[in-house]
C-alpha atoms as a PDB file:
ATOM      1  CA  MET A   1     -28.114  97.682 110.464  1.00  0.00           C
ATOM      2  CA  LYS A   2     -24.704  99.028 108.991  1.00  0.00           C
ATOM      3  CA  PRO A   3     -24.095  99.911 105.444  1.00  0.00           C
ATOM      4  CA  PHE A   4     -22.400  97.661 103.328  1.00  0.00           C
ATOM      5  CA  THR A   5     -19.003  99.153 102.831  1.00  0.00           C
ATOM      6  CA  ARG A   6     -16.527  96.943 100.753  1.00  0.00           C
ATOM      7  CA  ARG A   7     -12.932  97.513 101.327  1.00  0.00           C
ATOM      8  CA  ARG A   8     -11.059  98.592  98.050  1.00  0.00           C
ATOM      9  CA  ARG A   9      -8.008  96.457  97.636  1.00  0.00           C
ATOM     10  CA  ARG A  10      -4.867  98.337  98.056  1.00  0.00           C
ATOM     11  CA  PRO A  11      -3.577  98.739  94.435  1.00  0.00           C
ATOM     12  CA  GLU A  12      -0.392  96.874  93.588  1.00  0.00           C
ATOM     13  CA  ILE A  13       1.989  96.843  90.769  1.00  0.00           C
ATOM     14  CA  ASN A  14       4.034  93.199  90.398  1.00  0.00           C
ATOM     15  CA  ILE A  15       7.329  93.762  89.176  1.00  0.00           C
ATOM     16  CA  VAL A  16       8.626  90.575  88.945  1.00  0.00           C
ATOM     17  CA  PRO A  17       7.853  90.322  85.171  1.00  0.00           C
ATOM     18  CA  LEU A  18       9.243  93.839  84.597  1.00  0.00           C
ATOM     19  CA  ILE A  19      12.461  92.897  85.917  1.00  0.00           C
ATOM     20  CA  ASP A  20      12.054  89.558  83.740  1.00  0.00           C
ATOM     21  CA  VAL A  21      11.450  91.262  80.174  1.00  0.00           C
ATOM     22  CA  LEU A  22      14.375  94.015  81.307  1.00  0.00           C
ATOM     23  CA  THR A  23      16.729  91.184  81.843  1.00  0.00           C
ATOM     24  CA  ILE A  24      16.358  89.589  78.755  1.00  0.00           C
ATOM     25  CA  LEU A  25      16.833  92.899  76.680  1.00  0.00           C
ATOM     26  CA  VAL A  26      19.848  93.695  78.777  1.00  0.00           C
ATOM     27  CA  PHE A  27      20.883  90.220  77.422  1.00  0.00           C
ATOM     28  CA  PHE A  28      19.569  90.833  73.647  1.00  0.00           C
ATOM     29  CA  PHE A  29      21.508  94.215  73.653  1.00  0.00           C
ATOM     30  CA  LEU A  30      24.563  92.568  74.622  1.00  0.00           C
ATOM     31  CA  VAL A  31      24.369  89.714  72.209  1.00  0.00           C
ATOM     32  CA  THR A  32      23.757  91.941  69.259  1.00  0.00           C
ATOM     33  CA  MET A  33      26.257  94.900  70.126  1.00  0.00           C
ATOM     34  CA  GLN A  34      28.796  94.681  67.553  1.00  0.00           C
ATOM     35  CA  TYR A  35      32.424  95.892  68.387  1.00  0.00           C
ATOM     36  CA  ARG A  36      34.561  97.783  65.675  1.00  0.00           C
ATOM     37  CA  ASP A  37      37.296  99.307  67.403  1.00  0.00           C
ATOM     38  CA  VAL A  38      39.909  96.351  66.255  1.00  0.00           C
ATOM     39  CA  ALA A  39      42.613  99.028  66.004  1.00  0.00           C
ATOM     40  CA  ALA A  40      42.481  98.691  69.995  1.00  0.00           C
ATOM     41  CA  LEU A  41      43.636  95.572  69.591  1.00  0.00           C
ATOM     42  CA  ASN A  42      47.010  94.657  70.683  1.00  0.00           C
ATOM     43  CA  LEU A  43      47.838  91.399  68.424  1.00  0.00           C
ATOM     44  CA  VAL A  44      50.448  89.094  68.402  1.00  0.00           C
ATOM     45  CA  LEU A  45      50.915  87.321  65.063  1.00  0.00           C
ATOM     46  CA  PRO A  46      51.066  83.301  65.376  1.00  0.00           C
ATOM     47  CA  ARG A  47      53.669  81.358  64.216  1.00  0.00           C
ATOM     48  CA  ILE A  48      52.678  79.290  61.336  1.00  0.00           C
ATOM     49  CA  GLU A  49      53.152  75.681  62.234  1.00  0.00           C
ATOM     50  CA  THR A  50      51.521  73.956  59.451  1.00  0.00           C
ATOM     51  CA  ALA A  51      53.315  75.593  56.537  1.00  0.00           C
ATOM     52  CA  GLY A  52      54.541  73.618  53.503  1.00  0.00           C
ATOM     53  CA  THR A  53      58.171  74.016  52.193  1.00  0.00           C
ATOM     54  CA  SER A  54      58.393  76.652  49.382  1.00  0.00           C
ATOM     55  CA  GLU A  55      59.845  75.572  46.599  1.00  0.00           C
ATOM     56  CA  ARG A  56      62.465  77.937  45.707  1.00  0.00           C
ATOM     57  CA  SER A  57      63.106  76.910  41.649  1.00  0.00           C
ATOM     58  CA  GLY A  58      61.249  79.088  39.398  1.00  0.00           C
ATOM     59  CA  PHE A  59      60.861  81.443  42.107  1.00  0.00           C
ATOM     60  CA  LEU A  60      61.558  85.390  41.579  1.00  0.00           C
ATOM     61  CA  THR A  61      62.781  85.631  45.508  1.00  0.00           C
ATOM     62  CA  ILE A  62      62.638  89.218  47.513  1.00  0.00           C
ATOM     63  CA  GLY A  63      63.901  89.662  50.737  1.00  0.00           C
ATOM     64  CA  ILE A  64      63.926  92.067  53.431  1.00  0.00           C
ATOM     65  CA  ASP A  65      65.645  92.114  56.728  1.00  0.00           C
ATOM     66  CA  ALA A  66      65.169  93.519  60.164  1.00  0.00           C
ATOM     67  CA  SER A  67      66.261  96.894  59.111  1.00  0.00           C
ATOM     68  CA  GLY A  68      64.356  97.444  56.051  1.00  0.00           C
ATOM     69  CA  ASN A  69      67.058  96.183  53.674  1.00  0.00           C
ATOM     70  CA  TYR A  70      65.890  95.016  50.584  1.00  0.00           C
ATOM     71  CA  SER A  71      67.567  91.801  47.726  1.00  0.00           C
ATOM     72  CA  LEU A  72      66.509  90.531  44.573  1.00  0.00           C
ATOM     73  CA  ASP A  73      67.442  87.541  44.121  1.00  0.00           C
ATOM     74  CA  GLY A  74      70.334  87.416  46.435  1.00  0.00           C
ATOM     75  CA  GLN A  75      71.346  91.229  45.332  1.00  0.00           C
ATOM     76  CA  THR A  76      71.155  93.922  47.502  1.00  0.00           C
ATOM     77  CA  VAL A  77      68.509  96.568  46.376  1.00  0.00           C
ATOM     78  CA  SER A  78      67.429  99.687  47.431  1.00  0.00           C
ATOM     79  CA  ARG A  79      63.862 100.287  48.051  1.00  0.00           C
ATOM     80  CA  ASP A  80      63.601 103.171  45.483  1.00  0.00           C
ATOM     81  CA  ASP A  81      65.110 100.960  42.716  1.00  0.00           C
ATOM     82  CA  LEU A  82      62.547  98.191  43.492  1.00  0.00           C
ATOM     83  CA  PRO A  83      59.836  99.180  41.292  1.00  0.00           C
ATOM     84  CA  GLY A  84      62.049  99.958  37.899  1.00  0.00           C
ATOM     85  CA  LEU A  85      63.700  96.295  38.616  1.00  0.00           C
ATOM     86  CA  LEU A  86      60.020  94.632  38.707  1.00  0.00           C
ATOM     87  CA  LEU A  87      58.544  96.138  35.664  1.00  0.00           C
ATOM     88  CA  PRO A  88      60.291  94.419  33.220  1.00  0.00           C
ATOM     89  CA  LEU A  89      58.859  90.982  34.267  1.00  0.00           C
ATOM     90  CA  ARG A  90      55.594  92.020  33.030  1.00  0.00           C
ATOM     91  CA  ASP A  91      56.594  91.178  30.111  1.00  0.00           C
ATOM     92  CA  VAL A  92      57.508  87.290  30.744  1.00  0.00           C
ATOM     93  CA  GLY A  93      53.956  86.816  32.062  1.00  0.00           C
ATOM     94  CA  ARG A  94      51.940  86.952  35.166  1.00  0.00           C
ATOM     95  CA  ASN A  95      52.439  83.634  35.977  1.00  0.00           C
ATOM     96  CA  VAL A  96      56.100  84.449  37.435  1.00  0.00           C
ATOM     97  CA  SER A  97      55.528  83.163  41.133  1.00  0.00           C
ATOM     98  CA  VAL A  98      57.123  85.911  43.344  1.00  0.00           C
ATOM     99  CA  LEU A  99      58.142  84.334  47.023  1.00  0.00           C
ATOM    100  CA  ILE A 100      58.354  87.339  49.707  1.00  0.00           C
ATOM    101  CA  MET A 101      60.896  86.282  52.583  1.00  0.00           C
ATOM    102  CA  ALA A 102      60.730  88.830  55.700  1.00  0.00           C
ATOM    103  CA  ASP A 103      62.392  88.940  58.919  1.00  0.00           C
ATOM    104  CA  GLU A 104      59.918  88.047  61.855  1.00  0.00           C
ATOM    105  CA  THR A 105      60.519  91.548  62.957  1.00  0.00           C
ATOM    106  CA  THR A 106      60.169  93.425  59.562  1.00  0.00           C
ATOM    107  CA  PRO A 107      57.327  96.165  59.497  1.00  0.00           C
ATOM    108  CA  ILE A 108      54.063  94.842  58.343  1.00  0.00           C
ATOM    109  CA  ARG A 109      54.326  97.739  55.901  1.00  0.00           C
ATOM    110  CA  GLU A 110      57.283  97.039  54.247  1.00  0.00           C
ATOM    111  CA  ILE A 111      55.978  93.681  53.406  1.00  0.00           C
ATOM    112  CA  THR A 112      52.761  95.575  51.670  1.00  0.00           C
ATOM    113  CA  TYR A 113      54.750  98.098  49.667  1.00  0.00           C
ATOM    114  CA  VAL A 114      56.450  94.790  48.330  1.00  0.00           C
ATOM    115  CA  MET A 115      53.446  93.324  47.526  1.00  0.00           C
ATOM    116  CA  ASP A 116      51.797  96.376  46.135  1.00  0.00           C
ATOM    117  CA  GLN A 117      54.803  96.956  43.716  1.00  0.00           C
ATOM    118  CA  CYS A 118      54.478  93.404  42.778  1.00  0.00           C
ATOM    119  CA  ARG A 119      51.176  93.639  41.865  1.00  0.00           C
ATOM    120  CA  LEU A 120      51.866  97.416  39.990  1.00  0.00           C
ATOM    121  CA  ALA A 121      54.224  95.519  37.888  1.00  0.00           C
ATOM    122  CA  GLY A 122      51.599  92.743  36.845  1.00  0.00           C
ATOM    123  CA  LEU A 123      52.614  89.954  39.261  1.00  0.00           C
ATOM    124  CA  GLU A 124      50.062  88.436  40.953  1.00  0.00           C
ATOM    125  CA  ASN A 125      51.601  85.191  42.012  1.00  0.00           C
ATOM    126  CA  ILE A 126      52.959  85.910  45.508  1.00  0.00           C
ATOM    127  CA  ARG A 127      53.751  83.650  48.301  1.00  0.00           C
ATOM    128  CA  LEU A 128      54.703  84.858  51.732  1.00  0.00           C
ATOM    129  CA  GLN A 129      57.922  82.599  53.304  1.00  0.00           C
ATOM    130  CA  SER A 130      57.272  81.126  56.809  1.00  0.00           C
ATOM    131  CA  ARG A 131      58.941  79.532  59.579  1.00  0.00           C
END
């Protein structure tokens, strides 16, 4: 009689569950990844369709045209003179409203400069005119 020999099964690895787990991990990392490079975006700012009308009475209006020329209540002023003209308004009070009207092609740095000078002069109620 032949001795009884058992045939060993050949070892195998079932890779289907491994692929499932790896796929879930890849999806998890893609969903939770944060994209912080906002400066690389090419943004075109939208036009405001629902903007209300701005009452101009009782407002201090500052205008900026596309060339960077400033006007204060209709009078042309230079960029260097603007802070000096805004400082006396500190005595009037913080409730003075400032309406900034800028051309749509005006660089944002000009608008933020005007807003910064208004805040330095103690004027906190600032509005932007839209079309």
